[in-house]
Amino acid sequence: MGLFEIIKTANHNLFRNKVRTFLTILAIFVGSFTIVLNVAINAGVNSFIDEQTASLGGDDYIMITSSGAVSMMNSMMSTSSEPTEYNPNQTLSAMNKEQLDKLGKIDGLNPDDFYIAKQIPVEYITSKETDKKYNITVGAMPPGDFNIATTAGTLPSQDTKEYEITLEPGYPKALGFGSDEDAIGKTVTLVMLDTMTNNPIEFKAKVVGVQAPGVVAVNGSIISRALEDAMYEEGTKYYPAEQKELVYAIQTRFDNSKYTEDEIKAKLKEAGFVGLTVSDMMGMIRTFFDVIMIVFTIFGGIALLAASIGIINTLLMSVEERTREIGLDKALGMSSGRIFLEFAVEAIALGFWGSAFGVLVAIIIGNITNTLVHAPGGFLEALPTFNLFEFTPANVIPIILIVMFIAFLAGTAPAWKAAHKNPIDALRYE
C-alpha cells in the first residue's frame, strides 16, 4: 500500500465517527483561525510600519545634532502628556565649522550625503480654485532613496530646476480640486511675508503628487530642492551671513553594512554628537503592536493545546473501537510500524483539515474586514495603504505545517498503543 492509499485509508477511518471527528477538527480550527488572524495582523502592521520607516529614510537614515541637544531630542520623542520642567540646556544648539569637519571624518558617514534641512516660514497655501488659505509646512527631501507612498503622482525630482510640490493628504480637496488625481499638474501658490515690509511674496508650484496618509510625516508637504532654495533665500535675505550659515541638525545616511545603529550612535557619542535613527522614531510603535500580538498568539496556542487533547482522545477511542481490526491486521502480517503510521497519518489529517479550514475562513474574513475598514466611515479610511490583515504564503503555509506537526505529536501515544497491541488479546477483545 502506497502513501496515497495510506492517506486515503486514514481519512476514511477518521470519518467512521463523523460527529467526534468534526468536533476535534472544530477545536483545531479555532486555534488555527486565531493564530492565522494574529499573524496576518502582525504582518499588516509591520508592513505598514516598514512603509513608514522607508518614508523616514530607511534603515540607514540618521539625524545628527550636537550633544547639547540631547535633552531636547528626548523631549521631542517623549510620549508623555505631562508638562516637562524647563531645562536651560534643552535649547537646540548650533554646530560650528569645527564640529562639522569633525563629523565628516567619522567612519561610516559620508560628508557628501549630509543634508541641512532649511526652515521655510510659509504663511499659507492657496490656489485659483478657491479663495481660502491654509497653513502648511514644507520641506525638501534629504538625499537618498525614499519610498514615500502616494495616492496620486510622484515625489518631486531631486534634480529638477522646476518648482514642484507633493501635497499632504487632504490638501487637494481643500484647495478646490475634485480628487487627488485632479490635482496633478495643477498650480498652487505658496505665500511668504517679507520680514521687513510684511508684503506677501508668492511662489507658484506645480503639484506632482499627493502623499498617502500615514502615521509619520516627512517635512510636511514635499517641495523640490530648487523651490526650497528659492524660498529659503527669500526668507533669510535680511539675515547676517553668520546667521544664514548656522547648522542645527544634519540628516544623512550611515554605512549599515559596517555598523549597527547602536555602533554608529556610540561613535557619534564619542565625538560629541547625538544620533536619532528610524528605530528610535518607530520602535515604540512596533513594540506596542508586538506585545499585543504575543498576547493574542498565546490565546491561540492555548486553543491548540486544547485541540491536541481532543486529538489524543479521538484517536484513543478509535484504537479501542478498532482493537479487533488491529489484531486481525497483525495476524495477517501487518507490521507494528505500519499500524503506527496509519494512526499517525490520521492525526496529521486531523491537523491538516482543522488548520486548512481555519486558514481559509481567516483569509475570507480578513479580506472582507480589510474592505470594510477602508470603506467610507471605516476606522482605516484615512490610511488606505494600511491593510489590517496581510496574508502571504510565507505566513500561512508554516502555520498549517506547524499544526500538522503538533497533531502528529498528539497522535503518537494512541498510535504507539495501537502498534504494540498483542494480536491474540486484540482478537479476543469484545
Protein backbone atom coordinates (compact mmCIF):
# COMPACT_ATOMS: atom_id res chain seq x y z
CA MET A 1 0.00 0.00 0.00
CA GLY A 2 1.50 3.33 -1.09
CA LEU A 3 1.45 6.67 0.71
CA PHE A 4 -1.63 7.82 -1.21
CA GLU A 5 -3.55 4.73 -0.14
CA ILE A 6 -2.45 5.23 3.46
CA ILE A 7 -3.73 8.83 3.39
CA LYS A 8 -6.99 7.73 1.77
CA THR A 9 -7.50 4.97 4.35
CA ALA A 10 -6.67 7.34 7.22
CA ASN A 11 -9.30 9.86 6.10
CA HIS A 12 -11.84 7.07 5.66
CA ASN A 13 -11.19 5.78 9.19
CA LEU A 14 -11.44 9.29 10.63
CA PHE A 15 -14.96 9.78 9.34
CA ARG A 16 -16.31 6.49 10.66
CA ASN A 17 -17.49 8.62 13.58
CA LYS A 18 -18.30 11.89 11.85
CA VAL A 19 -19.52 13.82 14.91
CA ARG A 20 -16.44 13.06 17.01
CA THR A 21 -14.09 13.87 14.13
CA PHE A 22 -15.99 17.08 13.32
CA LEU A 23 -15.73 18.31 16.92
CA THR A 24 -11.99 17.56 17.00
CA ILE A 25 -11.45 19.38 13.70
CA LEU A 26 -13.53 22.29 15.05
CA ALA A 27 -11.23 22.60 18.08
CA ILE A 28 -8.17 22.67 15.79
CA PHE A 29 -9.99 25.15 13.54
CA VAL A 30 -10.49 27.61 16.41
CA GLY A 31 -6.82 27.56 17.39
CA SER A 32 -5.57 27.80 13.80
CA PHE A 33 -8.07 30.55 12.93
CA THR A 34 -6.95 32.63 15.93
CA ILE A 35 -3.25 32.24 15.20
CA VAL A 36 -3.62 32.94 11.46
CA LEU A 37 -5.52 36.17 12.14
CA ASN A 38 -2.90 37.23 14.70
CA VAL A 39 -0.06 36.51 12.30
CA ALA A 40 -1.91 38.36 9.49
CA ILE A 41 -2.49 41.41 11.72
CA ASN A 42 1.15 41.37 12.76
CA ALA A 43 2.23 41.15 9.10
CA GLY A 44 -0.11 44.01 8.17
CA VAL A 45 1.11 46.23 10.99
CA ASN A 46 4.78 45.51 10.33
CA SER A 47 4.33 46.04 6.60
CA PHE A 48 2.77 49.43 7.28
CA ILE A 49 5.49 50.33 9.79
CA ASP A 50 8.14 49.27 7.25
CA GLU A 51 6.47 51.55 4.70
CA GLN A 52 6.53 54.39 7.21
CA THR A 53 10.16 53.57 8.04
CA ALA A 54 11.03 53.86 4.36
CA SER A 55 9.30 57.25 4.28
CA LEU A 56 11.56 58.37 7.14
CA GLY A 57 14.63 57.41 5.18
CA GLY A 58 15.13 53.69 5.59
CA ASP A 59 17.24 51.64 7.97
CA ASP A 60 20.38 53.68 7.32
CA TYR A 61 18.82 57.11 7.98
CA ILE A 62 20.15 59.12 10.92
CA MET A 63 19.61 62.67 12.17
CA ILE A 64 22.61 64.15 13.97
CA THR A 65 22.76 67.05 16.43
CA SER A 66 25.35 68.26 18.91
CA SER A 67 25.39 66.54 22.31
CA GLY A 68 23.95 69.69 23.89
CA ALA A 69 20.68 68.96 22.13
CA VAL A 70 20.19 65.51 23.62
CA SER A 71 17.64 66.55 26.24
CA MET A 72 15.64 68.41 23.62
CA MET A 73 15.62 65.37 21.32
CA ASN A 74 14.41 63.21 24.21
CA SER A 75 11.67 65.74 24.84
CA MET A 76 10.66 65.63 21.16
CA MET A 77 10.40 61.82 21.30
CA SER A 78 8.56 61.69 24.64
CA THR A 79 5.01 60.28 24.56
CA SER A 80 4.12 61.68 27.98
CA SER A 81 1.24 64.14 28.17
CA GLU A 82 2.70 65.71 31.34
CA PRO A 83 4.48 69.08 31.05
CA THR A 84 8.24 68.92 31.35
CA GLU A 85 10.26 71.23 33.59
CA TYR A 86 12.29 73.95 31.94
CA ASN A 87 15.89 72.98 31.27
CA PRO A 88 18.29 75.70 30.08
CA ASN A 89 20.41 73.03 28.35
CA GLN A 90 17.43 71.97 26.26
CA THR A 91 17.99 74.60 23.60
CA LEU A 92 18.94 73.13 20.23
CA SER A 93 22.50 74.40 19.88
CA ALA A 94 24.07 75.10 16.51
CA MET A 95 27.12 73.23 15.21
CA ASN A 96 30.19 75.23 14.26
CA LYS A 97 32.55 74.58 11.34
CA GLU A 98 34.99 72.68 13.55
CA GLN A 99 32.23 70.32 14.67
CA LEU A 100 31.06 69.80 11.08
CA ASP A 101 34.60 68.97 9.97
CA LYS A 102 34.90 66.53 12.88
CA LEU A 103 31.58 64.93 11.97
CA GLY A 104 32.68 64.46 8.37
CA LYS A 105 35.71 62.42 9.48
CA ILE A 106 33.70 59.81 11.38
CA ASP A 107 33.96 56.41 9.70
CA GLY A 108 30.61 55.24 8.35
CA LEU A 109 29.41 58.73 7.40
CA ASN A 110 29.85 60.40 4.01
CA PRO A 111 30.00 64.22 4.09
CA ASP A 112 28.62 64.29 0.54
CA ASP A 113 25.36 62.86 1.92
CA PHE A 114 24.96 65.50 4.64
CA TYR A 115 21.76 67.44 4.23
CA ILE A 116 20.83 70.52 6.25
CA ALA A 117 17.07 70.93 6.46
CA LYS A 118 16.11 74.56 5.86
CA GLN A 119 13.36 76.30 7.80
CA ILE A 120 10.81 77.74 5.35
CA PRO A 121 8.39 80.19 7.03
CA VAL A 122 5.43 79.72 4.69
CA GLU A 123 2.47 81.86 5.68
CA TYR A 124 -0.19 79.91 3.77
CA ILE A 125 -1.07 77.99 0.60
CA THR A 126 -3.91 78.66 -1.81
CA SER A 127 -4.95 78.06 -5.42
CA LYS A 128 -7.03 79.74 -8.09
CA GLU A 129 -9.76 77.14 -7.50
CA THR A 130 -10.52 78.58 -4.05
CA ASP A 131 -10.41 81.84 -2.14
CA LYS A 132 -9.46 80.05 1.08
CA LYS A 133 -5.99 80.00 2.58
CA TYR A 134 -4.44 77.12 4.54
CA ASN A 135 -1.49 76.72 6.88
CA ILE A 136 1.20 74.42 5.53
CA THR A 137 4.65 73.12 6.40
CA VAL A 138 7.02 72.39 3.53
CA GLY A 139 10.50 70.97 3.08
CA ALA A 140 12.64 69.16 0.53
CA MET A 141 13.67 65.52 0.85
CA PRO A 142 17.14 64.67 2.15
CA PRO A 143 19.42 62.90 -0.35
CA GLY A 144 18.90 59.16 -0.76
CA ASP A 145 16.33 56.66 -1.97
CA PHE A 146 13.00 57.35 -0.28
CA ASN A 147 9.86 55.33 -0.72
CA ILE A 148 7.02 57.58 0.42
CA ALA A 149 3.68 56.18 -0.72
CA THR A 150 1.45 58.42 -2.81
CA THR A 151 -2.21 58.18 -3.69
CA ALA A 152 -1.52 60.00 -6.94
CA GLY A 153 1.56 61.20 -8.81
CA THR A 154 5.13 61.04 -7.52
CA LEU A 155 7.63 62.90 -5.35
CA PRO A 156 9.41 66.00 -6.69
CA SER A 157 12.55 65.23 -8.65
CA GLN A 158 15.75 65.78 -6.67
CA ASP A 159 17.48 67.39 -9.66
CA THR A 160 14.73 69.45 -11.28
CA LYS A 161 15.02 73.22 -11.59
CA GLU A 162 11.22 73.49 -11.61
CA TYR A 163 9.14 74.47 -8.60
CA GLU A 164 7.30 71.26 -7.68
CA ILE A 165 5.30 70.09 -4.69
CA THR A 166 3.82 66.81 -3.42
CA LEU A 167 0.94 67.76 -1.17
CA GLU A 168 0.00 66.17 2.13
CA PRO A 169 -3.30 64.24 2.34
CA GLY A 170 -6.41 66.40 2.41
CA TYR A 171 -4.90 69.44 0.71
CA PRO A 172 -6.15 68.72 -2.84
CA LYS A 173 -9.80 68.73 -1.77
CA ALA A 174 -9.31 71.77 0.47
CA LEU A 175 -7.68 73.67 -2.40
CA GLY A 176 -10.67 73.08 -4.67
CA PHE A 177 -9.52 70.08 -6.69
CA GLY A 178 -12.05 67.29 -7.20
CA SER A 179 -9.70 64.48 -6.19
CA ASP A 180 -6.03 63.69 -5.63
CA GLU A 181 -5.70 62.74 -9.31
CA ASP A 182 -7.29 66.03 -10.40
CA ALA A 183 -4.64 68.00 -8.51
CA ILE A 184 -1.75 66.52 -10.51
CA GLY A 185 -0.33 69.07 -12.91
CA LYS A 186 -2.24 71.98 -11.34
CA THR A 187 -0.58 75.04 -9.82
CA VAL A 188 -0.76 76.13 -6.20
CA THR A 189 0.51 79.33 -4.60
CA LEU A 190 2.80 79.36 -1.55
CA VAL A 191 2.91 82.72 0.19
CA MET A 192 5.63 84.09 2.45
CA LEU A 193 5.77 87.51 4.12
CA ASP A 194 8.67 89.86 3.62
CA THR A 195 10.30 90.16 7.05
CA MET A 196 10.86 93.90 6.61
CA THR A 197 7.78 95.17 4.75
CA ASN A 198 5.34 92.36 5.64
CA ASN A 199 4.28 92.27 1.98
CA PRO A 200 3.27 88.88 0.56
CA ILE A 201 5.76 87.06 -1.67
CA GLU A 202 4.24 84.41 -3.92
CA PHE A 203 5.84 81.21 -5.23
CA LYS A 204 3.94 79.18 -7.83
CA ALA A 205 4.47 75.42 -7.60
CA LYS A 206 3.29 72.60 -9.81
CA VAL A 207 1.56 69.72 -7.99
CA VAL A 208 3.31 66.47 -8.97
CA GLY A 209 1.89 64.15 -6.31
CA VAL A 210 -0.20 63.62 -3.19
CA GLN A 211 1.17 61.71 -0.20
CA ALA A 212 -0.74 58.72 1.14
CA PRO A 213 -1.90 59.13 4.75
CA GLY A 214 0.45 57.65 7.34
CA VAL A 215 1.44 57.85 10.97
CA VAL A 216 4.56 59.95 10.29
CA ALA A 217 5.19 62.97 8.13
CA VAL A 218 8.41 63.93 6.38
CA ASN A 219 8.86 67.70 6.26
CA GLY A 220 5.12 68.19 5.71
CA SER A 221 4.37 68.76 2.04
CA ILE A 222 7.44 67.92 -0.02
CA ILE A 223 8.87 70.54 -2.34
CA SER A 224 11.65 70.39 -4.92
CA ARG A 225 15.14 71.42 -3.88
CA ALA A 226 15.01 74.37 -6.28
CA LEU A 227 11.86 75.73 -4.66
CA GLU A 228 13.27 75.20 -1.17
CA ASP A 229 16.45 77.10 -2.04
CA ALA A 230 14.48 79.98 -3.57
CA MET A 231 12.12 80.28 -0.60
CA TYR A 232 14.94 79.99 1.93
CA GLU A 233 16.92 82.66 0.15
CA GLU A 234 13.91 84.96 0.17
CA GLY A 235 13.14 84.27 3.83
CA THR A 236 16.71 84.91 5.01
CA LYS A 237 17.77 87.73 2.69
CA TYR A 238 17.98 90.21 5.58
CA TYR A 239 19.87 87.81 7.86
CA PRO A 240 23.55 88.37 8.66
CA ALA A 241 25.80 85.91 6.83
CA GLU A 242 26.76 84.11 10.04
CA GLN A 243 23.08 83.56 10.90
CA LYS A 244 22.39 82.01 7.49
CA GLU A 245 25.22 79.51 7.96
CA LEU A 246 24.06 78.09 11.28
CA VAL A 247 23.51 74.32 11.28
CA TYR A 248 21.31 72.80 13.99
CA ALA A 249 20.79 69.29 12.64
CA ILE A 250 22.11 67.16 9.80
CA GLN A 251 20.18 64.41 8.08
CA THR A 252 22.29 61.75 6.43
CA ARG A 253 22.81 58.03 5.94
CA PHE A 254 25.32 55.77 7.62
CA ASP A 255 27.03 52.64 6.32
CA ASN A 256 24.80 49.97 7.86
CA SER A 257 26.86 47.24 6.18
CA LYS A 258 29.71 48.12 8.59
CA TYR A 259 27.89 49.43 11.65
CA THR A 260 24.70 48.68 13.51
CA GLU A 261 22.55 51.55 14.74
CA ASP A 262 23.94 51.20 18.27
CA GLU A 263 27.52 51.16 16.98
CA ILE A 264 27.15 54.31 14.84
CA LYS A 265 25.40 56.12 17.71
CA ALA A 266 28.23 55.10 20.04
CA LYS A 267 30.83 56.52 17.60
CA LEU A 268 28.83 59.76 17.38
CA LYS A 269 28.59 59.98 21.17
CA GLU A 270 32.37 59.61 21.49
CA ALA A 271 32.77 62.56 19.11
CA GLY A 272 30.25 64.74 20.98
CA PHE A 273 27.17 64.18 18.80
CA VAL A 274 23.80 62.53 19.19
CA GLY A 275 22.17 60.32 16.52
CA LEU A 276 18.46 59.69 16.09
CA THR A 277 17.62 56.70 13.86
CA VAL A 278 14.41 55.39 12.34
CA SER A 279 14.21 52.71 15.03
CA ASP A 280 14.18 55.45 17.67
CA MET A 281 11.24 57.06 15.89
CA MET A 282 9.25 53.93 15.05
CA GLY A 283 10.49 51.40 17.61
CA MET A 284 7.88 52.22 20.25
CA ILE A 285 5.00 51.75 17.79
CA ARG A 286 6.36 48.38 16.62
CA THR A 287 6.97 47.21 20.20
CA PHE A 288 3.42 48.14 21.22
CA PHE A 289 1.88 46.04 18.45
CA ASP A 290 4.33 43.16 19.00
CA VAL A 291 3.28 42.88 22.66
CA ILE A 292 -0.41 42.80 21.72
CA MET A 293 0.22 40.13 19.08
CA ILE A 294 2.16 37.97 21.54
CA VAL A 295 -0.77 38.06 23.96
CA PHE A 296 -3.28 37.06 21.28
CA THR A 297 -0.97 34.34 19.96
CA ILE A 298 -0.79 32.86 23.45
CA PHE A 299 -4.58 32.56 23.41
CA GLY A 300 -4.37 30.78 20.06
CA GLY A 301 -1.72 28.45 21.48
CA ILE A 302 -3.98 27.58 24.40
CA ALA A 303 -6.75 26.73 21.92
CA LEU A 304 -4.34 24.46 20.02
CA LEU A 305 -3.31 22.78 23.27
CA ALA A 306 -6.96 22.02 23.97
CA ALA A 307 -7.29 20.73 20.40
CA SER A 308 -4.28 18.44 20.93
CA ILE A 309 -6.04 16.87 23.90
CA GLY A 310 -9.04 16.37 21.62
CA ILE A 311 -6.83 14.61 19.06
CA ILE A 312 -5.46 12.25 21.72
CA ASN A 313 -8.99 11.48 22.92
CA THR A 314 -10.32 10.91 19.39
CA LEU A 315 -7.54 8.52 18.42
CA LEU A 316 -7.59 6.63 21.72
CA MET A 317 -11.29 6.00 21.28
CA SER A 318 -10.62 4.97 17.68
CA VAL A 319 -7.97 2.50 18.88
CA GLU A 320 -10.43 0.96 21.34
CA GLU A 321 -13.17 0.70 18.70
CA ARG A 322 -10.80 -0.94 16.20
CA THR A 323 -8.97 -3.29 18.57
CA ARG A 324 -10.21 -6.49 16.85
CA GLU A 325 -9.40 -4.96 13.45
CA ILE A 326 -5.85 -4.20 14.64
CA GLY A 327 -5.48 -7.76 15.92
CA LEU A 328 -6.64 -9.15 12.58
CA ASP A 329 -4.22 -6.93 10.68
CA LYS A 330 -1.35 -8.11 12.85
CA ALA A 331 -2.40 -11.75 12.48
CA LEU A 332 -2.29 -11.26 8.70
CA GLY A 333 1.27 -9.98 8.92
CA MET A 334 0.92 -6.18 9.15
CA SER A 335 3.91 -4.75 10.99
CA SER A 336 3.71 -2.60 14.11
CA GLY A 337 5.40 0.23 12.21
CA ARG A 338 2.71 0.15 9.54
CA ILE A 339 -0.07 0.31 12.14
CA PHE A 340 1.73 3.17 13.90
CA LEU A 341 1.98 5.00 10.54
CA GLU A 342 -1.75 4.63 9.83
CA PHE A 343 -2.78 6.17 13.14
CA ALA A 344 -0.07 8.87 12.87
CA VAL A 345 -1.41 9.82 9.42
CA GLU A 346 -4.91 10.03 10.90
CA ALA A 347 -3.61 12.51 13.48
CA ILE A 348 -1.83 14.53 10.77
CA ALA A 349 -5.02 14.53 8.69
CA LEU A 350 -6.95 15.96 11.63
CA GLY A 351 -4.35 18.73 11.90
CA PHE A 352 -4.47 19.40 8.18
CA TRP A 353 -8.25 19.69 7.90
CA GLY A 354 -8.57 21.81 11.03
CA SER A 355 -5.77 24.20 10.07
CA ALA A 356 -6.75 24.35 6.38
CA PHE A 357 -10.32 25.35 7.23
CA GLY A 358 -9.00 27.79 9.83
CA VAL A 359 -6.71 29.45 7.28
CA LEU A 360 -9.43 29.54 4.60
CA VAL A 361 -12.02 31.16 6.86
CA ALA A 362 -9.41 33.57 8.29
CA ILE A 363 -8.44 34.73 4.77
CA ILE A 364 -12.09 35.26 3.79
CA ILE A 365 -12.93 37.19 6.96
CA GLY A 366 -9.66 39.12 6.86
CA ASN A 367 -10.15 40.30 3.28
CA ILE A 368 -13.76 41.27 3.95
CA THR A 369 -12.63 43.20 7.03
CA ASN A 370 -9.91 44.99 5.04
CA THR A 371 -12.56 46.17 2.59
CA LEU A 372 -14.95 47.30 5.32
CA VAL A 373 -12.40 49.24 7.40
CA HIS A 374 -11.24 51.16 4.32
CA ALA A 375 -14.78 51.95 3.15
CA PRO A 376 -16.23 55.44 3.83
CA GLY A 377 -16.73 55.68 7.58
CA GLY A 378 -14.34 52.80 8.33
CA PHE A 379 -11.72 53.40 11.02
CA LEU A 380 -8.88 52.94 8.48
CA GLU A 381 -10.44 55.13 5.81
CA ALA A 382 -7.72 57.71 6.44
CA LEU A 383 -4.93 55.13 5.98
CA PRO A 384 -5.55 53.49 2.58
CA THR A 385 -2.12 51.82 2.48
CA PHE A 386 -2.60 50.09 5.84
CA ASN A 387 -4.06 46.59 5.37
CA LEU A 388 -5.20 45.40 8.79
CA PHE A 389 -4.75 41.77 7.69
CA GLU A 390 -1.99 40.72 5.29
CA PHE A 391 -1.94 37.11 4.12
CA THR A 392 1.02 35.65 2.26
CA PRO A 393 2.18 32.07 1.65
CA ALA A 394 5.08 32.81 4.00
CA ASN A 395 2.79 33.45 6.96
CA VAL A 396 0.04 30.91 6.13
CA ILE A 397 1.75 27.70 4.99
CA PRO A 398 4.07 27.44 8.05
CA ILE A 399 1.03 27.59 10.34
CA ILE A 400 -0.61 24.65 8.57
CA LEU A 401 2.64 22.66 8.78
CA ILE A 402 3.15 23.51 12.45
CA VAL A 403 -0.41 22.48 13.34
CA MET A 404 0.05 19.20 11.43
CA PHE A 405 3.27 18.57 13.36
CA ILE A 406 1.53 19.31 16.68
CA ALA A 407 -1.26 16.93 15.66
CA PHE A 408 1.34 14.26 14.84
CA LEU A 409 2.92 14.66 18.29
CA ALA A 410 -0.50 14.44 19.91
CA GLY A 411 -1.25 11.27 17.95
CA THR A 412 1.96 9.42 18.78
CA ALA A 413 0.68 8.00 22.09
CA PRO A 414 -2.50 6.46 20.59
CA ALA A 415 -0.54 5.28 17.54
CA TRP A 416 2.10 3.65 19.78
CA LYS A 417 -0.64 1.95 21.79
CA ALA A 418 -2.26 0.57 18.63
CA ALA A 419 1.08 -0.59 17.20
CA HIS A 420 2.01 -2.52 20.35
CA LYS A 421 -1.24 -4.38 20.96
CA ASN A 422 -0.89 -8.13 21.33
CA PRO A 423 -2.66 -9.64 18.29
CA ILE A 424 -4.10 -12.60 20.30
CA ASP A 425 -5.51 -10.30 23.01
CA ALA A 426 -6.81 -7.95 20.33
CA LEU A 427 -8.68 -10.71 18.50
CA ARG A 428 -10.34 -11.74 21.81
CA TYR A 429 -11.38 -8.15 22.54
CA GLU A 430 -15.12 -7.58 22.77
